[in-house]
Amino acid sequence: MNVQAIMFDSDGTLIDTTKLITEGFKQVLIDFNYTELATDEIIKQHIGGHIPDVFSGLVGEDSSSDAVGKMTAHLDEVQNLLAPTTIASYPGELEMLLELKAKGIKVGLFTSGTVLQGKRNFNAVGIDYVQIFDAVVTYEDGL
């Protein structure tokens, strides 16, 4: 069998963003006076989906509400500050991606995040998002 392309998930598969996600959500919840919800246990029960939906599940507001919109925007600001110190790459990850590309295999990325979040997260671990991935599918593409 001749493999022509491989599609990867981002968070938890190619890069370890667990700390970025949990610390970011905790900070936003604290900043919006939901301190009682700002625990690893509660946040980990809700993460994995589109960010407004996560906040909606956490605070009981409709995902299209103004409050959830403000929390979502604030999360980007918080995570932009946290990214350089909270994201980790997995051992041999970059080498594996480069080896696949050297063999002529197309490398794709599938993520529930946005393009800007993907670029930020991969840049934090020294991976050039634009050069490594031949195709990227994000939430913005209609996930």
N, C-alpha and C. Protein backbone atom coordinates (compact mmCIF):
# COMPACT_ATOMS: atom_id res chain seq x y z
N MET A 1 0.84 -1.18 0.00
CA MET A 1 0.00 0.00 0.00
C MET A 1 0.88 1.24 0.00
N ASN A 2 0.56 2.18 -0.85
CA ASN A 2 1.34 3.40 -0.98
C ASN A 2 0.60 4.55 -0.29
N VAL A 3 1.10 4.99 0.84
CA VAL A 3 0.47 6.08 1.59
C VAL A 3 0.81 7.40 0.89
N GLN A 4 -0.22 8.17 0.57
CA GLN A 4 -0.01 9.44 -0.11
C GLN A 4 -0.19 10.64 0.81
N ALA A 5 -0.98 10.46 1.87
CA ALA A 5 -1.23 11.58 2.78
C ALA A 5 -1.61 11.06 4.16
N ILE A 6 -1.27 11.84 5.15
CA ILE A 6 -1.66 11.54 6.53
C ILE A 6 -2.22 12.81 7.14
N MET A 7 -3.37 12.67 7.79
CA MET A 7 -4.03 13.80 8.45
C MET A 7 -3.88 13.60 9.95
N PHE A 8 -3.43 14.64 10.65
CA PHE A 8 -3.23 14.58 12.09
C PHE A 8 -4.18 15.53 12.80
N ASP A 9 -4.55 15.17 14.01
CA ASP A 9 -5.22 16.09 14.92
C ASP A 9 -4.12 16.94 15.55
N SER A 10 -4.48 18.06 16.09
CA SER A 10 -3.51 18.98 16.67
C SER A 10 -3.31 18.73 18.16
N ASP A 11 -4.26 19.20 18.96
CA ASP A 11 -4.14 19.17 20.42
C ASP A 11 -4.12 17.74 20.95
N GLY A 12 -3.05 17.43 21.67
CA GLY A 12 -2.91 16.12 22.27
C GLY A 12 -2.39 15.05 21.33
N THR A 13 -2.27 15.36 20.06
CA THR A 13 -1.74 14.39 19.10
C THR A 13 -0.37 14.84 18.61
N LEU A 14 -0.31 16.03 18.04
CA LEU A 14 0.98 16.55 17.57
C LEU A 14 1.65 17.46 18.60
N ILE A 15 0.85 18.19 19.35
CA ILE A 15 1.42 19.05 20.38
C ILE A 15 0.62 18.91 21.66
N ASP A 16 1.31 19.05 22.78
CA ASP A 16 0.67 18.94 24.08
C ASP A 16 0.22 20.33 24.53
N THR A 17 -1.06 20.59 24.38
CA THR A 17 -1.63 21.89 24.74
C THR A 17 -2.48 21.80 26.00
N THR A 18 -2.38 20.70 26.72
CA THR A 18 -3.21 20.51 27.91
C THR A 18 -3.07 21.66 28.90
N LYS A 19 -1.85 22.03 29.19
CA LYS A 19 -1.62 23.10 30.16
C LYS A 19 -2.13 24.44 29.62
N LEU A 20 -1.90 24.72 28.35
CA LEU A 20 -2.40 25.96 27.73
C LEU A 20 -3.91 26.04 27.87
N ILE A 21 -4.59 24.96 27.56
CA ILE A 21 -6.05 24.95 27.58
C ILE A 21 -6.57 25.10 29.01
N THR A 22 -6.09 24.27 29.91
CA THR A 22 -6.62 24.33 31.28
C THR A 22 -6.28 25.65 31.97
N GLU A 23 -5.05 26.10 31.83
CA GLU A 23 -4.66 27.37 32.48
C GLU A 23 -5.40 28.56 31.86
N GLY A 24 -5.60 28.52 30.55
CA GLY A 24 -6.32 29.59 29.88
C GLY A 24 -7.76 29.66 30.33
N PHE A 25 -8.44 28.52 30.34
CA PHE A 25 -9.83 28.50 30.79
C PHE A 25 -9.94 28.92 32.25
N LYS A 26 -9.03 28.45 33.09
CA LYS A 26 -9.07 28.84 34.51
C LYS A 26 -8.96 30.36 34.65
N GLN A 27 -8.02 30.96 33.93
CA GLN A 27 -7.83 32.40 34.05
C GLN A 27 -9.06 33.17 33.60
N VAL A 28 -9.66 32.75 32.49
CA VAL A 28 -10.86 33.44 32.00
C VAL A 28 -12.01 33.28 32.98
N LEU A 29 -12.20 32.07 33.48
CA LEU A 29 -13.28 31.87 34.46
C LEU A 29 -13.09 32.74 35.70
N ILE A 30 -11.87 32.86 36.16
CA ILE A 30 -11.58 33.72 37.31
C ILE A 30 -11.85 35.18 36.94
N ASP A 31 -11.37 35.60 35.77
CA ASP A 31 -11.55 36.99 35.34
C ASP A 31 -13.02 37.37 35.18
N PHE A 32 -13.88 36.38 34.89
CA PHE A 32 -15.31 36.65 34.72
C PHE A 32 -16.13 36.22 35.93
N ASN A 33 -15.45 36.07 37.07
CA ASN A 33 -16.10 35.76 38.36
C ASN A 33 -16.79 34.40 38.42
N TYR A 34 -16.22 33.41 37.75
CA TYR A 34 -16.67 32.03 37.86
C TYR A 34 -15.57 31.20 38.54
N THR A 35 -15.03 31.74 39.60
CA THR A 35 -13.88 31.14 40.29
C THR A 35 -14.17 29.69 40.70
N GLU A 36 -15.39 29.40 41.12
CA GLU A 36 -15.73 28.05 41.58
C GLU A 36 -15.63 27.02 40.46
N LEU A 37 -15.66 27.46 39.22
CA LEU A 37 -15.55 26.55 38.07
C LEU A 37 -14.11 26.40 37.58
N ALA A 38 -13.21 27.19 38.12
CA ALA A 38 -11.83 27.26 37.62
C ALA A 38 -10.96 26.16 38.22
N THR A 39 -11.36 24.91 38.03
CA THR A 39 -10.56 23.78 38.50
C THR A 39 -10.22 22.88 37.32
N ASP A 40 -9.10 22.19 37.41
CA ASP A 40 -8.70 21.26 36.35
C ASP A 40 -9.80 20.23 36.10
N GLU A 41 -10.38 19.70 37.16
CA GLU A 41 -11.37 18.63 37.03
C GLU A 41 -12.59 19.11 36.24
N ILE A 42 -13.12 20.26 36.59
CA ILE A 42 -14.30 20.78 35.90
C ILE A 42 -13.98 21.12 34.45
N ILE A 43 -12.87 21.78 34.23
CA ILE A 43 -12.51 22.18 32.87
C ILE A 43 -12.28 20.97 31.98
N LYS A 44 -11.58 19.96 32.49
CA LYS A 44 -11.29 18.77 31.68
C LYS A 44 -12.55 18.00 31.29
N GLN A 45 -13.63 18.17 32.05
CA GLN A 45 -14.90 17.53 31.71
C GLN A 45 -15.56 18.19 30.51
N HIS A 46 -15.17 19.42 30.20
CA HIS A 46 -15.84 20.19 29.16
C HIS A 46 -15.01 20.45 27.90
N ILE A 47 -13.69 20.35 27.99
CA ILE A 47 -12.86 20.73 26.85
C ILE A 47 -12.95 19.71 25.72
N GLY A 48 -12.58 20.16 24.54
CA GLY A 48 -12.53 19.28 23.38
C GLY A 48 -13.37 19.75 22.22
N GLY A 49 -14.29 20.65 22.49
CA GLY A 49 -15.14 21.16 21.42
C GLY A 49 -14.79 22.58 21.05
N HIS A 50 -15.70 23.19 20.30
CA HIS A 50 -15.53 24.58 19.91
C HIS A 50 -15.62 25.45 21.16
N ILE A 51 -14.75 26.41 21.28
CA ILE A 51 -14.59 27.19 22.51
C ILE A 51 -15.90 27.83 23.01
N PRO A 52 -16.69 28.49 22.17
CA PRO A 52 -17.95 29.03 22.71
C PRO A 52 -18.86 27.95 23.30
N ASP A 53 -18.85 26.77 22.70
CA ASP A 53 -19.66 25.67 23.23
C ASP A 53 -19.13 25.20 24.58
N VAL A 54 -17.81 25.22 24.75
CA VAL A 54 -17.21 24.84 26.03
C VAL A 54 -17.62 25.83 27.11
N PHE A 55 -17.48 27.12 26.81
CA PHE A 55 -17.90 28.13 27.79
C PHE A 55 -19.39 28.01 28.09
N SER A 56 -20.18 27.76 27.08
CA SER A 56 -21.62 27.60 27.27
C SER A 56 -21.90 26.47 28.25
N GLY A 57 -21.23 25.34 28.06
CA GLY A 57 -21.40 24.21 28.97
C GLY A 57 -20.92 24.50 30.37
N LEU A 58 -19.87 25.27 30.49
CA LEU A 58 -19.31 25.59 31.80
C LEU A 58 -20.19 26.56 32.59
N VAL A 59 -20.65 27.62 31.94
CA VAL A 59 -21.32 28.69 32.68
C VAL A 59 -22.83 28.70 32.49
N GLY A 60 -23.36 27.84 31.63
CA GLY A 60 -24.80 27.76 31.46
C GLY A 60 -25.41 28.87 30.65
N GLU A 61 -24.62 29.55 29.86
CA GLU A 61 -25.12 30.60 28.96
C GLU A 61 -25.22 30.01 27.56
N ASP A 62 -26.09 30.58 26.73
CA ASP A 62 -26.17 30.17 25.34
C ASP A 62 -24.84 30.48 24.65
N SER A 63 -24.39 29.60 23.78
CA SER A 63 -23.08 29.79 23.14
C SER A 63 -23.01 31.04 22.28
N SER A 64 -24.16 31.59 21.88
CA SER A 64 -24.16 32.81 21.08
C SER A 64 -24.36 34.07 21.93
N SER A 65 -24.38 33.92 23.25
CA SER A 65 -24.60 35.07 24.13
C SER A 65 -23.41 36.02 24.12
N ASP A 66 -23.67 37.25 24.48
CA ASP A 66 -22.63 38.27 24.55
C ASP A 66 -21.56 37.88 25.57
N ALA A 67 -21.99 37.32 26.70
CA ALA A 67 -21.04 36.92 27.75
C ALA A 67 -20.07 35.86 27.24
N VAL A 68 -20.61 34.86 26.56
CA VAL A 68 -19.75 33.79 26.01
C VAL A 68 -18.83 34.36 24.94
N GLY A 69 -19.31 35.28 24.14
CA GLY A 69 -18.47 35.93 23.13
C GLY A 69 -17.31 36.67 23.76
N LYS A 70 -17.57 37.38 24.85
CA LYS A 70 -16.51 38.11 25.55
C LYS A 70 -15.51 37.16 26.19
N MET A 71 -16.00 36.06 26.74
CA MET A 71 -15.10 35.07 27.35
C MET A 71 -14.21 34.42 26.29
N THR A 72 -14.80 34.12 25.15
CA THR A 72 -14.05 33.50 24.05
C THR A 72 -12.95 34.43 23.55
N ALA A 73 -13.27 35.69 23.37
CA ALA A 73 -12.26 36.67 22.92
C ALA A 73 -11.16 36.82 23.97
N HIS A 74 -11.54 36.84 25.23
CA HIS A 74 -10.55 36.98 26.30
C HIS A 74 -9.64 35.75 26.37
N LEU A 75 -10.20 34.57 26.09
CA LEU A 75 -9.39 33.36 26.11
C LEU A 75 -8.25 33.45 25.09
N ASP A 76 -8.53 33.97 23.91
CA ASP A 76 -7.47 34.13 22.92
C ASP A 76 -6.35 35.03 23.45
N GLU A 77 -6.73 36.13 24.09
CA GLU A 77 -5.73 37.04 24.67
C GLU A 77 -4.90 36.33 25.73
N VAL A 78 -5.56 35.61 26.61
CA VAL A 78 -4.87 34.90 27.69
C VAL A 78 -3.95 33.83 27.12
N GLN A 79 -4.46 33.04 26.18
CA GLN A 79 -3.65 31.96 25.62
C GLN A 79 -2.49 32.49 24.79
N ASN A 80 -2.65 33.64 24.16
CA ASN A 80 -1.51 34.23 23.44
C ASN A 80 -0.36 34.51 24.39
N LEU A 81 -0.67 34.92 25.60
CA LEU A 81 0.37 35.17 26.61
C LEU A 81 0.94 33.87 27.17
N LEU A 82 0.09 32.87 27.34
CA LEU A 82 0.51 31.60 27.95
C LEU A 82 1.24 30.66 26.99
N ALA A 83 0.95 30.75 25.71
CA ALA A 83 1.44 29.76 24.73
C ALA A 83 2.94 29.48 24.80
N PRO A 84 3.80 30.50 24.85
CA PRO A 84 5.23 30.19 24.82
C PRO A 84 5.73 29.35 25.99
N THR A 85 5.02 29.37 27.11
CA THR A 85 5.51 28.64 28.29
C THR A 85 4.65 27.44 28.66
N THR A 86 3.55 27.20 27.95
CA THR A 86 2.67 26.11 28.37
C THR A 86 2.47 25.02 27.31
N ILE A 87 2.97 25.22 26.11
CA ILE A 87 2.81 24.22 25.05
C ILE A 87 4.11 23.44 24.91
N ALA A 88 3.97 22.13 24.74
CA ALA A 88 5.15 21.28 24.57
C ALA A 88 4.99 20.43 23.32
N SER A 89 6.11 20.14 22.70
CA SER A 89 6.07 19.20 21.57
C SER A 89 6.39 17.82 22.12
N TYR A 90 6.04 16.81 21.36
CA TYR A 90 6.35 15.44 21.75
C TYR A 90 7.70 15.06 21.16
N PRO A 91 8.47 14.21 21.85
CA PRO A 91 9.79 13.84 21.34
C PRO A 91 9.73 13.26 19.93
N GLY A 92 10.58 13.78 19.06
CA GLY A 92 10.69 13.28 17.70
C GLY A 92 9.60 13.74 16.75
N GLU A 93 8.73 14.60 17.23
CA GLU A 93 7.60 15.03 16.42
C GLU A 93 8.02 15.74 15.14
N LEU A 94 8.83 16.77 15.25
CA LEU A 94 9.25 17.52 14.07
C LEU A 94 10.01 16.62 13.11
N GLU A 95 10.88 15.80 13.64
CA GLU A 95 11.65 14.89 12.78
C GLU A 95 10.72 13.95 12.01
N MET A 96 9.68 13.44 12.67
CA MET A 96 8.73 12.55 12.02
C MET A 96 7.99 13.26 10.89
N LEU A 97 7.55 14.48 11.16
CA LEU A 97 6.83 15.25 10.13
C LEU A 97 7.74 15.54 8.94
N LEU A 98 8.98 15.90 9.21
CA LEU A 98 9.93 16.18 8.14
C LEU A 98 10.26 14.91 7.34
N GLU A 99 10.35 13.78 8.02
CA GLU A 99 10.63 12.51 7.34
C GLU A 99 9.46 12.13 6.43
N LEU A 100 8.24 12.31 6.90
CA LEU A 100 7.08 12.03 6.05
C LEU A 100 7.11 12.89 4.79
N LYS A 101 7.38 14.16 4.97
CA LYS A 101 7.43 15.07 3.82
C LYS A 101 8.57 14.69 2.87
N ALA A 102 9.71 14.29 3.42
CA ALA A 102 10.84 13.88 2.59
C ALA A 102 10.51 12.65 1.75
N LYS A 103 9.60 11.82 2.25
CA LYS A 103 9.18 10.63 1.52
C LYS A 103 8.06 10.95 0.52
N GLY A 104 7.69 12.22 0.41
CA GLY A 104 6.67 12.62 -0.53
C GLY A 104 5.24 12.44 -0.02
N ILE A 105 5.10 12.19 1.27
CA ILE A 105 3.77 12.02 1.86
C ILE A 105 3.24 13.39 2.26
N LYS A 106 2.04 13.70 1.82
CA LYS A 106 1.41 14.97 2.20
C LYS A 106 1.01 14.90 3.67
N VAL A 107 1.21 16.01 4.37
CA VAL A 107 0.92 16.07 5.80
C VAL A 107 -0.18 17.11 6.02
N GLY A 108 -1.28 16.67 6.64
CA GLY A 108 -2.39 17.57 6.89
C GLY A 108 -2.69 17.69 8.37
N LEU A 109 -3.44 18.72 8.70
CA LEU A 109 -3.81 19.00 10.09
C LEU A 109 -5.31 19.24 10.15
N PHE A 110 -5.94 18.64 11.14
CA PHE A 110 -7.37 18.78 11.39
C PHE A 110 -7.52 19.25 12.83
N THR A 111 -8.18 20.40 13.04
CA THR A 111 -8.29 20.94 14.40
C THR A 111 -9.61 21.65 14.61
N SER A 112 -10.10 21.62 15.84
CA SER A 112 -11.32 22.36 16.17
C SER A 112 -11.00 23.81 16.49
N GLY A 113 -9.73 24.18 16.44
CA GLY A 113 -9.31 25.56 16.66
C GLY A 113 -9.37 26.37 15.38
N THR A 114 -8.82 27.58 15.46
CA THR A 114 -8.77 28.47 14.31
C THR A 114 -7.38 28.44 13.68
N VAL A 115 -7.25 29.04 12.52
CA VAL A 115 -5.95 29.13 11.86
C VAL A 115 -4.96 29.88 12.75
N LEU A 116 -5.39 31.01 13.31
CA LEU A 116 -4.49 31.79 14.16
C LEU A 116 -4.04 31.01 15.39
N GLN A 117 -4.95 30.25 16.00
CA GLN A 117 -4.59 29.43 17.15
C GLN A 117 -3.59 28.35 16.75
N GLY A 118 -3.82 27.73 15.60
CA GLY A 118 -2.90 26.70 15.12
C GLY A 118 -1.51 27.25 14.88
N LYS A 119 -1.44 28.37 14.20
CA LYS A 119 -0.14 28.98 13.94
C LYS A 119 0.55 29.34 15.25
N ARG A 120 -0.19 29.95 16.17
CA ARG A 120 0.38 30.33 17.47
C ARG A 120 0.92 29.11 18.20
N ASN A 121 0.12 28.05 18.25
CA ASN A 121 0.50 26.87 19.02
C ASN A 121 1.72 26.15 18.43
N PHE A 122 1.75 26.00 17.13
CA PHE A 122 2.89 25.31 16.52
C PHE A 122 4.14 26.19 16.54
N ASN A 123 3.98 27.48 16.36
CA ASN A 123 5.13 28.38 16.47
C ASN A 123 5.74 28.34 17.87
N ALA A 124 4.91 28.14 18.88
CA ALA A 124 5.41 28.07 20.26
C ALA A 124 6.38 26.92 20.48
N VAL A 125 6.27 25.87 19.66
CA VAL A 125 7.19 24.74 19.79
C VAL A 125 8.19 24.68 18.64
N GLY A 126 8.28 25.76 17.87
CA GLY A 126 9.30 25.85 16.83
C GLY A 126 8.96 25.14 15.53
N ILE A 127 7.67 24.94 15.27
CA ILE A 127 7.27 24.28 14.04
C ILE A 127 6.58 25.31 13.15
N ASP A 128 7.10 25.46 11.93
CA ASP A 128 6.52 26.41 10.97
C ASP A 128 5.27 25.79 10.37
N TYR A 129 4.16 26.20 10.86
CA TYR A 129 2.83 25.69 10.49
C TYR A 129 2.62 25.72 8.98
N VAL A 130 3.00 26.81 8.35
CA VAL A 130 2.77 26.98 6.91
C VAL A 130 3.64 26.04 6.10
N GLN A 131 4.88 25.85 6.49
CA GLN A 131 5.79 25.00 5.71
C GLN A 131 5.57 23.51 5.95
N ILE A 132 5.15 23.12 7.14
CA ILE A 132 5.00 21.70 7.45
C ILE A 132 3.72 21.11 6.87
N PHE A 133 2.61 21.82 7.00
CA PHE A 133 1.32 21.23 6.62
C PHE A 133 0.92 21.59 5.19
N ASP A 134 0.60 20.55 4.44
CA ASP A 134 0.16 20.74 3.06
C ASP A 134 -1.31 21.13 3.00
N ALA A 135 -2.06 20.74 4.01
CA ALA A 135 -3.48 21.08 4.09
C ALA A 135 -3.85 21.24 5.56
N VAL A 136 -4.71 22.20 5.85
CA VAL A 136 -5.18 22.44 7.21
C VAL A 136 -6.68 22.62 7.17
N VAL A 137 -7.39 21.88 8.03
CA VAL A 137 -8.83 22.03 8.17
C VAL A 137 -9.09 22.48 9.60
N THR A 138 -9.75 23.64 9.73
CA THR A 138 -10.01 24.22 11.05
C THR A 138 -11.51 24.37 11.27
N TYR A 139 -11.86 24.82 12.46
CA TYR A 139 -13.24 25.13 12.77
C TYR A 139 -13.82 26.12 11.76
N GLU A 140 -12.98 27.03 11.32
CA GLU A 140 -13.43 28.05 10.38
C GLU A 140 -13.85 27.47 9.03
N ASP A 141 -13.44 26.24 8.77
CA ASP A 141 -13.82 25.58 7.52
C ASP A 141 -15.17 24.86 7.63
N GLY A 142 -15.80 24.99 8.79
CA GLY A 142 -17.13 24.42 8.96
C GLY A 142 -17.15 23.09 9.69
N LEU A 143 -16.19 22.87 10.57
CA LEU A 143 -16.17 21.63 11.35
C LEU A 143 -17.43 21.45 12.14
